[in-house]
């Protein structure tokens, strides 16, 4: 994933630069989402000291940090898979990432609502 010798970059033909740039913009949007999860993690841990018990705060912070980390890694993999498919003139691979992120956001929101109502 992080190797400098990416043989796939020399396979097939160069895709239209507009598609590569669109793929890069999508990657950057996923990275912004990952950073938002990480920022939420830090905010809960450092700024919301009266939000819930320390254990709950730590659990929510760790959960959000893990989500951000996994999302960043998956975004990189997805960008690479899309680039490979475009070079080989194949269909772009389908991802369940949208459903997963939606579920994570809903679960996070429900947990916040739960702790706000109880707090």
Protein backbone atom coordinates (compact mmCIF):
# COMPACT_ATOMS: atom_id res chain seq x y z
CA UNK A 1 0.00 0.00 0.00
CA UNK A 2 2.76 2.46 0.89
CA UNK A 3 5.52 1.06 -1.33
CA UNK A 4 7.29 3.36 -3.72
CA UNK A 5 7.34 0.71 -6.42
CA UNK A 6 3.71 0.63 -7.50
CA UNK A 7 3.84 -1.48 -10.65
CA UNK A 8 0.16 -0.83 -11.32
CA UNK A 9 1.00 2.81 -12.14
CA UNK A 10 2.64 1.57 -15.33
CA UNK A 11 -0.09 -0.91 -16.30
CA UNK A 12 -2.71 -0.22 -18.91
CA UNK A 13 -3.04 3.29 -20.21
CA UNK A 14 -3.17 6.60 -18.45
CA UNK A 15 -6.78 7.52 -17.69
CA UNK A 16 -8.24 10.87 -18.62
CA UNK A 17 -6.76 13.30 -16.11
CA UNK A 18 -10.24 14.55 -15.18
CA UNK A 19 -11.18 11.11 -13.87
CA UNK A 20 -7.93 10.84 -11.92
CA UNK A 21 -8.54 14.27 -10.41
CA UNK A 22 -12.12 13.31 -9.53
CA UNK A 23 -10.80 10.15 -7.86
CA UNK A 24 -8.31 12.26 -5.91
CA UNK A 25 -11.04 14.69 -4.80
CA UNK A 26 -13.10 11.76 -3.57
CA UNK A 27 -10.09 10.44 -1.67
CA UNK A 28 -9.57 13.85 -0.06
CA UNK A 29 -13.25 13.99 0.93
CA UNK A 30 -12.85 10.64 2.73
CA UNK A 31 -9.71 11.98 4.42
CA UNK A 32 -11.65 15.04 5.61
CA UNK A 33 -14.27 12.70 7.04
CA UNK A 34 -11.56 10.69 8.79
CA UNK A 35 -10.12 13.91 10.24
CA UNK A 36 -13.60 14.89 11.46
CA UNK A 37 -13.84 11.58 13.33
CA UNK A 38 -10.40 12.21 14.87
CA UNK A 39 -11.34 15.78 15.81
CA UNK A 40 -14.50 14.48 17.45
CA UNK A 41 -12.42 11.97 19.36
CA UNK A 42 -10.11 14.66 20.70
CA UNK A 43 -13.01 16.99 21.49
CA UNK A 44 -14.84 14.37 23.53
CA UNK A 45 -11.71 13.37 25.40
CA UNK A 46 -10.31 16.82 26.09
CA UNK A 47 -13.18 19.30 25.96
CA UNK A 48 -16.30 17.46 27.08
CA UNK A 49 -15.16 16.49 30.54
CA UNK A 50 -18.68 16.73 31.99
CA UNK A 51 -20.34 14.96 29.07
CA UNK A 52 -20.35 11.49 30.61
CA UNK A 53 -18.36 9.31 32.94
CA UNK A 54 -14.63 9.08 32.19
CA UNK A 55 -15.02 5.48 31.00
CA UNK A 56 -17.77 6.40 28.54
CA UNK A 57 -15.77 9.38 27.27
CA UNK A 58 -12.72 7.19 26.71
CA UNK A 59 -14.76 4.51 24.95
CA UNK A 60 -16.41 7.03 22.63
CA UNK A 61 -13.09 8.76 21.96
CA UNK A 62 -11.34 5.50 21.14
CA UNK A 63 -14.25 4.41 18.93
CA UNK A 64 -14.15 7.65 16.96
CA UNK A 65 -10.35 7.52 16.66
CA UNK A 66 -10.50 3.95 15.38
CA UNK A 67 -13.19 4.90 12.88
CA UNK A 68 -11.05 7.77 11.61
CA UNK A 69 -7.98 5.57 11.32
CA UNK A 70 -9.77 2.78 9.49
CA UNK A 71 -11.51 5.25 7.21
CA UNK A 72 -8.20 6.85 6.19
CA UNK A 73 -6.69 3.46 5.37
CA UNK A 74 -9.77 2.33 3.44
CA UNK A 75 -9.83 5.63 1.53
CA UNK A 76 -6.26 5.08 0.35
CA UNK A 77 -7.03 1.53 -0.72
CA UNK A 78 -10.17 2.65 -2.52
CA UNK A 79 -8.30 5.41 -4.36
CA UNK A 80 -5.70 2.88 -5.51
CA UNK A 81 -8.31 0.33 -6.62
CA UNK A 82 -10.15 3.00 -8.62
CA UNK A 83 -6.91 4.11 -10.29
CA UNK A 84 -6.11 0.51 -11.23
CA UNK A 85 -9.59 -0.02 -12.69
CA UNK A 86 -9.42 3.19 -14.72
CA UNK A 87 -5.99 2.24 -16.13
CA UNK A 88 -7.34 -1.16 -17.19
CA UNK A 89 -10.58 0.38 -18.51
CA UNK A 90 -12.64 -1.74 -16.12
CA UNK A 91 -15.69 -0.89 -14.08
CA UNK A 92 -14.93 0.81 -10.78
CA UNK A 93 -15.19 -1.55 -7.81
CA UNK A 94 -18.28 -1.25 -5.64
CA UNK A 95 -17.85 -0.33 -2.01
CA UNK A 96 -20.00 -0.73 1.07
CA UNK A 97 -18.11 2.17 2.64
CA UNK A 98 -21.06 4.54 2.32
CA UNK A 99 -23.32 2.23 4.30
CA UNK A 100 -20.63 1.63 6.92
CA UNK A 101 -19.95 5.34 7.43
CA UNK A 102 -23.67 6.09 7.59
CA UNK A 103 -24.12 3.40 10.22
CA UNK A 104 -21.18 4.74 12.26
CA UNK A 105 -22.56 8.27 12.17
CA UNK A 106 -26.02 7.07 13.22
CA UNK A 107 -24.59 4.97 16.07
CA UNK A 108 -22.42 7.86 17.23
CA UNK A 109 -25.37 10.25 17.13
CA UNK A 110 -27.59 7.81 19.03
CA UNK A 111 -24.93 7.34 21.69
CA UNK A 112 -24.61 11.13 22.08
CA UNK A 113 -28.37 11.48 22.38
CA UNK A 114 -28.45 8.67 24.93
CA UNK A 115 -25.77 10.27 27.11
CA UNK A 116 -27.17 13.79 26.75
CA UNK A 117 -30.62 12.64 27.86
CA UNK A 118 -29.18 10.63 30.77
CA UNK A 119 -26.61 13.28 31.69
